[in-house]
Amino acid sequence: MARTDMREWQVKRRTRTRHLIELGGLIVKADLVELADDDRAVLYGALLDIAARLRGENAQQHRALWRRRGKRAFDLDAESSGAAHARRARPVREA
């Protein structure tokens, strides 16, 4: 029984770790690390500002705007990745 409990704990820990890594990846993907000169205080302050906006009067408008922008960026990234993959997968023609 203890072994099963340990495995559940490990699975939950790995799931949480993966989630945190993915969230950190979004910060990198948005170029925030470079734009903030890797200043953790700047990044944290910006995230606190986002949280305050999501608690404010216009939370739904901010959420809708950010969701549209994020979805558009994900879609563009997927398109460019797909195009790059298609270019790599295309056979090379010999002259």
PDB file of N, CA and C in Angstrom:
ATOM      1  N   MET A   1       0.818  -1.201   0.000  1.00  0.00           N
ATOM      2  CA  MET A   1       0.000   0.000   0.000  1.00  0.00           C
ATOM      3  C   MET A   1       0.864   1.269   0.000  1.00  0.00           C
ATOM      4  N   ALA A   2       1.930   1.252   0.769  1.00  0.00           N
ATOM      5  CA  ALA A   2       2.812   2.417   0.839  1.00  0.00           C
ATOM      6  C   ALA A   2       3.430   2.714  -0.510  1.00  0.00           C
ATOM      7  N   ARG A   3       3.694   1.655  -1.268  1.00  0.00           N
ATOM      8  CA  ARG A   3       4.280   1.846  -2.593  1.00  0.00           C
ATOM      9  C   ARG A   3       3.306   2.562  -3.530  1.00  0.00           C
ATOM     10  N   THR A   4       2.034   2.198  -3.469  1.00  0.00           N
ATOM     11  CA  THR A   4       1.006   2.849  -4.284  1.00  0.00           C
ATOM     12  C   THR A   4       0.871   4.318  -3.900  1.00  0.00           C
ATOM     13  N   ASP A   5       0.876   4.582  -2.583  1.00  0.00           N
ATOM     14  CA  ASP A   5       0.785   5.965  -2.128  1.00  0.00           C
ATOM     15  C   ASP A   5       1.961   6.784  -2.635  1.00  0.00           C
ATOM     16  N   MET A   6       3.146   6.199  -2.632  1.00  0.00           N
ATOM     17  CA  MET A   6       4.332   6.888  -3.107  1.00  0.00           C
ATOM     18  C   MET A   6       4.207   7.179  -4.597  1.00  0.00           C
ATOM     19  N   ARG A   7       3.708   6.227  -5.344  1.00  0.00           N
ATOM     20  CA  ARG A   7       3.550   6.453  -6.779  1.00  0.00           C
ATOM     21  C   ARG A   7       2.545   7.566  -7.056  1.00  0.00           C
ATOM     22  N   GLU A   8       1.452   7.588  -6.331  1.00  0.00           N
ATOM     23  CA  GLU A   8       0.470   8.665  -6.511  1.00  0.00           C
ATOM     24  C   GLU A   8       1.098  10.014  -6.212  1.00  0.00           C
ATOM     25  N   TRP A   9       1.881  10.073  -5.138  1.00  0.00           N
ATOM     26  CA  TRP A   9       2.547  11.308  -4.772  1.00  0.00           C
ATOM     27  C   TRP A   9       3.524  11.720  -5.866  1.00  0.00           C
ATOM     28  N   GLN A  10       4.261  10.754  -6.413  1.00  0.00           N
ATOM     29  CA  GLN A  10       5.225  11.055  -7.473  1.00  0.00           C
ATOM     30  C   GLN A  10       4.517  11.534  -8.732  1.00  0.00           C
ATOM     31  N   VAL A  11       3.411  10.911  -9.077  1.00  0.00           N
ATOM     32  CA  VAL A  11       2.656  11.318 -10.259  1.00  0.00           C
ATOM     33  C   VAL A  11       2.131  12.739 -10.076  1.00  0.00           C
ATOM     34  N   LYS A  12       1.582  13.034  -8.910  1.00  0.00           N
ATOM     35  CA  LYS A  12       1.076  14.388  -8.640  1.00  0.00           C
ATOM     36  C   LYS A  12       2.210  15.409  -8.701  1.00  0.00           C
ATOM     37  N   ARG A  13       3.365  15.046  -8.147  1.00  0.00           N
ATOM     38  CA  ARG A  13       4.512  15.957  -8.159  1.00  0.00           C
ATOM     39  C   ARG A  13       4.990  16.203  -9.587  1.00  0.00           C
ATOM     40  N   ARG A  14       5.080  15.146 -10.381  1.00  0.00           N
ATOM     41  CA  ARG A  14       5.508  15.302 -11.780  1.00  0.00           C
ATOM     42  C   ARG A  14       4.504  16.127 -12.572  1.00  0.00           C
ATOM     43  N   THR A  15       3.228  15.905 -12.321  1.00  0.00           N
ATOM     44  CA  THR A  15       2.189  16.678 -13.007  1.00  0.00           C
ATOM     45  C   THR A  15       2.314  18.152 -12.664  1.00  0.00           C
ATOM     46  N   ARG A  16       2.500  18.456 -11.373  1.00  0.00           N
ATOM     47  CA  ARG A  16       2.657  19.846 -10.935  1.00  0.00           C
ATOM     48  C   ARG A  16       3.921  20.458 -11.540  1.00  0.00           C
ATOM     49  N   THR A  17       5.006  19.707 -11.537  1.00  0.00           N
ATOM     50  CA  THR A  17       6.268  20.203 -12.095  1.00  0.00           C
ATOM     51  C   THR A  17       6.105  20.522 -13.574  1.00  0.00           C
ATOM     52  N   ARG A  18       5.469  19.616 -14.311  1.00  0.00           N
ATOM     53  CA  ARG A  18       5.245  19.860 -15.745  1.00  0.00           C
ATOM     54  C   ARG A  18       4.406  21.115 -15.965  1.00  0.00           C
ATOM     55  N   HIS A  19       3.379  21.286 -15.143  1.00  0.00           N
ATOM     56  CA  HIS A  19       2.507  22.464 -15.245  1.00  0.00           C
ATOM     57  C   HIS A  19       3.314  23.745 -15.020  1.00  0.00           C
ATOM     58  N   LEU A  20       4.157  23.749 -13.989  1.00  0.00           N
ATOM     59  CA  LEU A  20       4.973  24.933 -13.696  1.00  0.00           C
ATOM     60  C   LEU A  20       5.977  25.210 -14.810  1.00  0.00           C
ATOM     61  N   ILE A  21       6.560  24.170 -15.368  1.00  0.00           N
ATOM     62  CA  ILE A  21       7.492  24.343 -16.479  1.00  0.00           C
ATOM     63  C   ILE A  21       6.778  24.936 -17.689  1.00  0.00           C
ATOM     64  N   GLU A  22       5.576  24.450 -17.969  1.00  0.00           N
ATOM     65  CA  GLU A  22       4.817  24.991 -19.103  1.00  0.00           C
ATOM     66  C   GLU A  22       4.485  26.460 -18.889  1.00  0.00           C
ATOM     67  N   LEU A  23       4.112  26.832 -17.661  1.00  0.00           N
ATOM     68  CA  LEU A  23       3.820  28.239 -17.379  1.00  0.00           C
ATOM     69  C   LEU A  23       5.072  29.095 -17.546  1.00  0.00           C
ATOM     70  N   GLY A  24       6.200  28.604 -17.061  1.00  0.00           N
ATOM     71  CA  GLY A  24       7.455  29.329 -17.261  1.00  0.00           C
ATOM     72  C   GLY A  24       7.799  29.455 -18.730  1.00  0.00           C
ATOM     73  N   GLY A  25       7.484  28.415 -19.489  1.00  0.00           N
ATOM     74  CA  GLY A  25       7.711  28.458 -20.933  1.00  0.00           C
ATOM     75  C   GLY A  25       6.920  29.555 -21.614  1.00  0.00           C
ATOM     76  N   LEU A  26       5.734  29.837 -21.104  1.00  0.00           N
ATOM     77  CA  LEU A  26       4.935  30.927 -21.680  1.00  0.00           C
ATOM     78  C   LEU A  26       5.614  32.272 -21.453  1.00  0.00           C
ATOM     79  N   ILE A  27       6.236  32.439 -20.307  1.00  0.00           N
ATOM     80  CA  ILE A  27       6.953  33.685 -20.026  1.00  0.00           C
ATOM     81  C   ILE A  27       8.123  33.837 -20.988  1.00  0.00           C
ATOM     82  N   VAL A  28       8.821  32.753 -21.253  1.00  0.00           N
ATOM     83  CA  VAL A  28       9.936  32.778 -22.210  1.00  0.00           C
ATOM     84  C   VAL A  28       9.397  33.019 -23.617  1.00  0.00           C
ATOM     85  N   LYS A  29       8.326  32.307 -23.986  1.00  0.00           N
ATOM     86  CA  LYS A  29       7.739  32.404 -25.324  1.00  0.00           C
ATOM     87  C   LYS A  29       7.281  33.831 -25.643  1.00  0.00           C
ATOM     88  N   ALA A  30       6.812  34.547 -24.617  1.00  0.00           N
ATOM     89  CA  ALA A  30       6.356  35.930 -24.797  1.00  0.00           C
ATOM     90  C   ALA A  30       7.524  36.928 -24.812  1.00  0.00           C
ATOM     91  N   ASP A  31       8.754  36.432 -24.745  1.00  0.00           N
ATOM     92  CA  ASP A  31       9.968  37.258 -24.733  1.00  0.00           C
ATOM     93  C   ASP A  31      10.073  38.145 -23.494  1.00  0.00           C
ATOM     94  N   LEU A  32       9.329  37.812 -22.446  1.00  0.00           N
ATOM     95  CA  LEU A  32       9.361  38.643 -21.248  1.00  0.00           C
ATOM     96  C   LEU A  32      10.691  38.566 -20.509  1.00  0.00           C
ATOM     97  N   VAL A  33      11.362  37.439 -20.591  1.00  0.00           N
ATOM     98  CA  VAL A  33      12.647  37.301 -19.902  1.00  0.00           C
ATOM     99  C   VAL A  33      13.641  38.298 -20.488  1.00  0.00           C
ATOM    100  N   GLU A  34      13.728  38.334 -21.801  1.00  0.00           N
ATOM    101  CA  GLU A  34      14.654  39.276 -22.449  1.00  0.00           C
ATOM    102  C   GLU A  34      14.201  40.711 -22.267  1.00  0.00           C
ATOM    103  N   LEU A  35      12.920  40.969 -22.444  1.00  0.00           N
ATOM    104  CA  LEU A  35      12.417  42.339 -22.339  1.00  0.00           C
ATOM    105  C   LEU A  35      12.609  42.914 -20.941  1.00  0.00           C
ATOM    106  N   ALA A  36      12.578  42.052 -19.922  1.00  0.00           N
ATOM    107  CA  ALA A  36      12.757  42.499 -18.535  1.00  0.00           C
ATOM    108  C   ALA A  36      14.199  42.323 -18.071  1.00  0.00           C
ATOM    109  N   ASP A  37      15.111  42.031 -18.992  1.00  0.00           N
ATOM    110  CA  ASP A  37      16.517  41.778 -18.650  1.00  0.00           C
ATOM    111  C   ASP A  37      16.643  40.713 -17.562  1.00  0.00           C
ATOM    112  N   ASP A  38      15.787  39.712 -17.621  1.00  0.00           N
ATOM    113  CA  ASP A  38      15.789  38.588 -16.671  1.00  0.00           C
ATOM    114  C   ASP A  38      15.698  39.071 -15.226  1.00  0.00           C
ATOM    115  N   ASP A  39      15.007  40.189 -15.021  1.00  0.00           N
ATOM    116  CA  ASP A  39      14.823  40.765 -13.685  1.00  0.00           C
ATOM    117  C   ASP A  39      13.553  40.174 -13.083  1.00  0.00           C
ATOM    118  N   ARG A  40      13.722  39.290 -12.108  1.00  0.00           N
ATOM    119  CA  ARG A  40      12.580  38.581 -11.513  1.00  0.00           C
ATOM    120  C   ARG A  40      11.597  39.543 -10.863  1.00  0.00           C
ATOM    121  N   ALA A  41      12.095  40.641 -10.292  1.00  0.00           N
ATOM    122  CA  ALA A  41      11.206  41.616  -9.656  1.00  0.00           C
ATOM    123  C   ALA A  41      10.305  42.273 -10.692  1.00  0.00           C
ATOM    124  N   VAL A  42      10.853  42.576 -11.865  1.00  0.00           N
ATOM    125  CA  VAL A  42      10.054  43.173 -12.938  1.00  0.00           C
ATOM    126  C   VAL A  42       8.984  42.178 -13.402  1.00  0.00           C
ATOM    127  N   LEU A  43       9.397  40.942 -13.616  1.00  0.00           N
ATOM    128  CA  LEU A  43       8.441  39.928 -14.059  1.00  0.00           C
ATOM    129  C   LEU A  43       7.344  39.704 -13.029  1.00  0.00           C
ATOM    130  N   TYR A  44       7.718  39.603 -11.772  1.00  0.00           N
ATOM    131  CA  TYR A  44       6.732  39.384 -10.718  1.00  0.00           C
ATOM    132  C   TYR A  44       5.792  40.580 -10.616  1.00  0.00           C
ATOM    133  N   GLY A  45       6.347  41.792 -10.704  1.00  0.00           N
ATOM    134  CA  GLY A  45       5.520  42.997 -10.670  1.00  0.00           C
ATOM    135  C   GLY A  45       4.526  43.034 -11.819  1.00  0.00           C
ATOM    136  N   ALA A  46       4.975  42.632 -12.991  1.00  0.00           N
ATOM    137  CA  ALA A  46       4.073  42.598 -14.149  1.00  0.00           C
ATOM    138  C   ALA A  46       2.955  41.577 -13.938  1.00  0.00           C
ATOM    139  N   LEU A  47       3.312  40.421 -13.401  1.00  0.00           N
ATOM    140  CA  LEU A  47       2.299  39.397 -13.130  1.00  0.00           C
ATOM    141  C   LEU A  47       1.318  39.862 -12.060  1.00  0.00           C
ATOM    142  N   LEU A  48       1.809  40.592 -11.066  1.00  0.00           N
ATOM    143  CA  LEU A  48       0.920  41.144 -10.047  1.00  0.00           C
ATOM    144  C   LEU A  48      -0.042  42.157 -10.663  1.00  0.00           C
ATOM    145  N   ASP A  49       0.445  42.937 -11.635  1.00  0.00           N
ATOM    146  CA  ASP A  49      -0.411  43.884 -12.338  1.00  0.00           C
ATOM    147  C   ASP A  49      -1.514  43.150 -13.104  1.00  0.00           C
ATOM    148  N   ILE A  50      -1.151  42.068 -13.769  1.00  0.00           N
ATOM    149  CA  ILE A  50      -2.146  41.256 -14.476  1.00  0.00           C
ATOM    150  C   ILE A  50      -3.189  40.733 -13.489  1.00  0.00           C
ATOM    151  N   ALA A  51      -2.728  40.212 -12.355  1.00  0.00           N
ATOM    152  CA  ALA A  51      -3.652  39.681 -11.344  1.00  0.00           C
ATOM    153  C   ALA A  51      -4.601  40.765 -10.849  1.00  0.00           C
ATOM    154  N   ALA A  52      -4.078  41.973 -10.631  1.00  0.00           N
ATOM    155  CA  ALA A  52      -4.922  43.081 -10.172  1.00  0.00           C
ATOM    156  C   ALA A  52      -5.979  43.421 -11.222  1.00  0.00           C
ATOM    157  N   ARG A  53      -5.582  43.410 -12.487  1.00  0.00           N
ATOM    158  CA  ARG A  53      -6.550  43.692 -13.556  1.00  0.00           C
ATOM    159  C   ARG A  53      -7.638  42.624 -13.615  1.00  0.00           C
ATOM    160  N   LEU A  54      -7.256  41.375 -13.364  1.00  0.00           N
ATOM    161  CA  LEU A  54      -8.236  40.285 -13.387  1.00  0.00           C
ATOM    162  C   LEU A  54      -9.151  40.307 -12.158  1.00  0.00           C
ATOM    163  N   ARG A  55      -8.775  41.066 -11.147  1.00  0.00           N
ATOM    164  CA  ARG A  55      -9.647  41.251  -9.980  1.00  0.00           C
ATOM    165  C   ARG A  55     -10.480  42.526 -10.099  1.00  0.00           C
ATOM    166  N   GLY A  56     -10.168  43.356 -11.081  1.00  0.00           N
ATOM    167  CA  GLY A  56     -10.810  44.660 -11.211  1.00  0.00           C
ATOM    168  C   GLY A  56     -12.148  44.627 -11.932  1.00  0.00           C
ATOM    169  N   GLU A  57     -12.660  45.821 -12.145  1.00  0.00           N
ATOM    170  CA  GLU A  57     -13.982  45.995 -12.765  1.00  0.00           C
ATOM    171  C   GLU A  57     -14.039  45.471 -14.194  1.00  0.00           C
ATOM    172  N   ASN A  58     -12.982  45.628 -14.943  1.00  0.00           N
ATOM    173  CA  ASN A  58     -12.974  45.238 -16.352  1.00  0.00           C
ATOM    174  C   ASN A  58     -12.326  43.876 -16.574  1.00  0.00           C
ATOM    175  N   ALA A  59     -12.408  43.008 -15.595  1.00  0.00           N
ATOM    176  CA  ALA A  59     -11.736  41.707 -15.661  1.00  0.00           C
ATOM    177  C   ALA A  59     -12.157  40.908 -16.891  1.00  0.00           C
ATOM    178  N   GLN A  60     -13.446  40.874 -17.166  1.00  0.00           N
ATOM    179  CA  GLN A  60     -13.925  40.077 -18.300  1.00  0.00           C
ATOM    180  C   GLN A  60     -13.393  40.615 -19.627  1.00  0.00           C
ATOM    181  N   GLN A  61     -13.318  41.933 -19.766  1.00  0.00           N
ATOM    182  CA  GLN A  61     -12.786  42.525 -21.002  1.00  0.00           C
ATOM    183  C   GLN A  61     -11.304  42.205 -21.161  1.00  0.00           C
ATOM    184  N   HIS A  62     -10.549  42.334 -20.067  1.00  0.00           N
ATOM    185  CA  HIS A  62      -9.115  42.003 -20.122  1.00  0.00           C
ATOM    186  C   HIS A  62      -8.931  40.533 -20.490  1.00  0.00           C
ATOM    187  N   ARG A  63      -9.686  39.672 -19.823  1.00  0.00           N
ATOM    188  CA  ARG A  63      -9.573  38.233 -20.075  1.00  0.00           C
ATOM    189  C   ARG A  63      -9.899  37.917 -21.532  1.00  0.00           C
ATOM    190  N   ALA A  64     -10.967  38.510 -22.058  1.00  0.00           N
ATOM    191  CA  ALA A  64     -11.361  38.254 -23.449  1.00  0.00           C
ATOM    192  C   ALA A  64     -10.292  38.757 -24.423  1.00  0.00           C
ATOM    193  N   LEU A  65      -9.767  39.950 -24.172  1.00  0.00           N
ATOM    194  CA  LEU A  65      -8.730  40.512 -25.036  1.00  0.00           C
ATOM    195  C   LEU A  65      -7.474  39.648 -25.007  1.00  0.00           C
ATOM    196  N   TRP A  66      -7.030  39.288 -23.821  1.00  0.00           N
ATOM    197  CA  TRP A  66      -5.813  38.486 -23.687  1.00  0.00           C
ATOM    198  C   TRP A  66      -6.000  37.089 -24.265  1.00  0.00           C
ATOM    199  N   ARG A  67      -7.196  36.536 -24.122  1.00  0.00           N
ATOM    200  CA  ARG A  67      -7.466  35.213 -24.697  1.00  0.00           C
ATOM    201  C   ARG A  67      -7.383  35.276 -26.231  1.00  0.00           C
ATOM    202  N   ARG A  68      -7.985  36.309 -26.826  1.00  0.00           N
ATOM    203  CA  ARG A  68      -7.923  36.464 -28.296  1.00  0.00           C
ATOM    204  C   ARG A  68      -6.479  36.620 -28.760  1.00  0.00           C
ATOM    205  N   ARG A  69      -5.732  37.480 -28.094  1.00  0.00           N
ATOM    206  CA  ARG A  69      -4.330  37.695 -28.472  1.00  0.00           C
ATOM    207  C   ARG A  69      -3.515  36.410 -28.324  1.00  0.00           C
ATOM    208  N   GLY A  70      -3.711  35.724 -27.217  1.00  0.00           N
ATOM    209  CA  GLY A  70      -2.971  34.487 -26.973  1.00  0.00           C
ATOM    210  C   GLY A  70      -3.319  33.416 -27.985  1.00  0.00           C
ATOM    211  N   LYS A  71      -4.619  33.262 -28.262  1.00  0.00           N
ATOM    212  CA  LYS A  71      -5.043  32.255 -29.235  1.00  0.00           C
ATOM    213  C   LYS A  71      -4.472  32.574 -30.609  1.00  0.00           C
ATOM    214  N   ARG A  72      -4.516  33.846 -30.986  1.00  0.00           N
ATOM    215  CA  ARG A  72      -3.963  34.263 -32.279  1.00  0.00           C
ATOM    216  C   ARG A  72      -2.465  33.960 -32.341  1.00  0.00           C
ATOM    217  N   ALA A  73      -1.743  34.248 -31.270  1.00  0.00           N
ATOM    218  CA  ALA A  73      -0.299  33.986 -31.241  1.00  0.00           C
ATOM    219  C   ALA A  73      -0.014  32.489 -31.304  1.00  0.00           C
ATOM    220  N   PHE A  74      -0.790  31.680 -30.556  1.00  0.00           N
ATOM    221  CA  PHE A  74      -0.624  30.225 -30.627  1.00  0.00           C
ATOM    222  C   PHE A  74      -0.886  29.728 -32.045  1.00  0.00           C
ATOM    223  N   ASP A  75      -1.953  30.242 -32.672  1.00  0.00           N
ATOM    224  CA  ASP A  75      -2.296  29.816 -34.030  1.00  0.00           C
ATOM    225  C   ASP A  75      -1.202  30.193 -35.022  1.00  0.00           C
ATOM    226  N   LEU A  76      -0.685  31.418 -34.922  1.00  0.00           N
ATOM    227  CA  LEU A  76       0.396  31.853 -35.811  1.00  0.00           C
ATOM    228  C   LEU A  76       1.645  31.014 -35.595  1.00  0.00           C
ATOM    229  N   ASP A  77       1.935  30.710 -34.343  1.00  0.00           N
ATOM    230  CA  ASP A  77       3.097  29.881 -34.030  1.00  0.00           C
ATOM    231  C   ASP A  77       2.926  28.479 -34.619  1.00  0.00           C
ATOM    232  N   ALA A  78       1.724  27.931 -34.482  1.00  0.00           N
ATOM    233  CA  ALA A  78       1.459  26.598 -35.030  1.00  0.00           C
ATOM    234  C   ALA A  78       1.580  26.603 -36.548  1.00  0.00           C
ATOM    235  N   GLU A  79       1.074  27.667 -37.178  1.00  0.00           N
ATOM    236  CA  GLU A  79       1.174  27.780 -38.643  1.00  0.00           C
ATOM    237  C   GLU A  79       2.628  27.871 -39.074  1.00  0.00           C
ATOM    238  N   SER A  80       3.407  28.710 -38.395  1.00  0.00           N
ATOM    239  CA  SER A  80       4.811  28.866 -38.796  1.00  0.00           C
ATOM    240  C   SER A  80       5.598  27.594 -38.494  1.00  0.00           C
ATOM    241  N   SER A  81       5.277  26.908 -37.400  1.00  0.00           N
ATOM    242  CA  SER A  81       5.934  25.633 -37.105  1.00  0.00           C
ATOM    243  C   SER A  81       5.563  24.593 -38.140  1.00  0.00           C
ATOM    244  N   GLY A  82       4.300  24.582 -38.530  1.00  0.00           N
ATOM    245  CA  GLY A  82       3.854  23.644 -39.556  1.00  0.00           C
ATOM    246  C   GLY A  82       4.506  23.925 -40.894  1.00  0.00           C
ATOM    247  N   ALA A  83       4.642  25.198 -41.237  1.00  0.00           N
ATOM    248  CA  ALA A  83       5.290  25.570 -42.495  1.00  0.00           C
ATOM    249  C   ALA A  83       6.765  25.197 -42.463  1.00  0.00           C
ATOM    250  N   ALA A  84       7.410  25.429 -41.318  1.00  0.00           N
ATOM    251  CA  ALA A  84       8.836  25.078 -41.189  1.00  0.00           C
ATOM    252  C   ALA A  84       8.998  23.567 -41.268  1.00  0.00           C
ATOM    253  N   HIS A  85       8.083  22.843 -40.645  1.00  0.00           N
ATOM    254  CA  HIS A  85       8.139  21.383 -40.695  1.00  0.00           C
ATOM    255  C   HIS A  85       7.933  20.896 -42.128  1.00  0.00           C
ATOM    256  N   ALA A  86       7.005  21.518 -42.840  1.00  0.00           N
ATOM    257  CA  ALA A  86       6.736  21.129 -44.229  1.00  0.00           C
ATOM    258  C   ALA A  86       7.956  21.403 -45.103  1.00  0.00           C
ATOM    259  N   ARG A  87       8.645  22.526 -44.849  1.00  0.00           N
ATOM    260  CA  ARG A  87       9.853  22.838 -45.626  1.00  0.00           C
ATOM    261  C   ARG A  87      10.940  21.805 -45.367  1.00  0.00           C
ATOM    262  N   ARG A  88      11.098  21.393 -44.098  1.00  0.00           N
ATOM    263  CA  ARG A  88      12.117  20.402 -43.762  1.00  0.00           C
ATOM    264  C   ARG A  88      11.760  19.035 -44.338  1.00  0.00           C
ATOM    265  N   ALA A  89      10.482  18.734 -44.382  1.00  0.00           N
ATOM    266  CA  ALA A  89      10.046  17.403 -44.825  1.00  0.00           C
ATOM    267  C   ALA A  89      10.019  17.288 -46.362  1.00  0.00           C
ATOM    268  N   ARG A  90      10.019  18.412 -47.046  1.00  0.00           N
ATOM    269  CA  ARG A  90       9.945  18.423 -48.490  1.00  0.00           C
ATOM    270  C   ARG A  90      11.223  17.817 -49.081  1.00  0.00           C
ATOM    271  N   PRO A  91      11.107  16.900 -50.021  1.00  0.00           N
ATOM    272  CA  PRO A  91      12.314  16.325 -50.619  1.00  0.00           C
ATOM    273  C   PRO A  91      13.113  17.364 -51.382  1.00  0.00           C
ATOM    274  N   VAL A  92      14.403  17.218 -51.360  1.00  0.00           N
ATOM    275  CA  VAL A  92      15.287  18.134 -52.062  1.00  0.00           C
ATOM    276  C   VAL A  92      15.353  17.722 -53.523  1.00  0.00           C
ATOM    277  N   ARG A  93      15.149  18.674 -54.405  1.00  0.00           N
ATOM    278  CA  ARG A  93      15.214  18.389 -55.844  1.00  0.00           C
ATOM    279  C   ARG A  93      16.649  18.512 -56.318  1.00  0.00           C
ATOM    280  N   GLU A  94      17.054  17.561 -57.118  1.00  0.00           N
ATOM    281  CA  GLU A  94      18.391  17.619 -57.666  1.00  0.00           C
ATOM    282  C   GLU A  94      18.353  18.370 -58.977  1.00  0.00           C
ATOM    283  N   ALA A  95      19.383  19.120 -59.233  1.00  0.00           N
ATOM    284  CA  ALA A  95      19.439  19.932 -60.459  1.00  0.00           C
ATOM    285  C   ALA A  95      19.868  19.124 -61.649  1.00  0.00           C
TER     286      ALA A  95
END
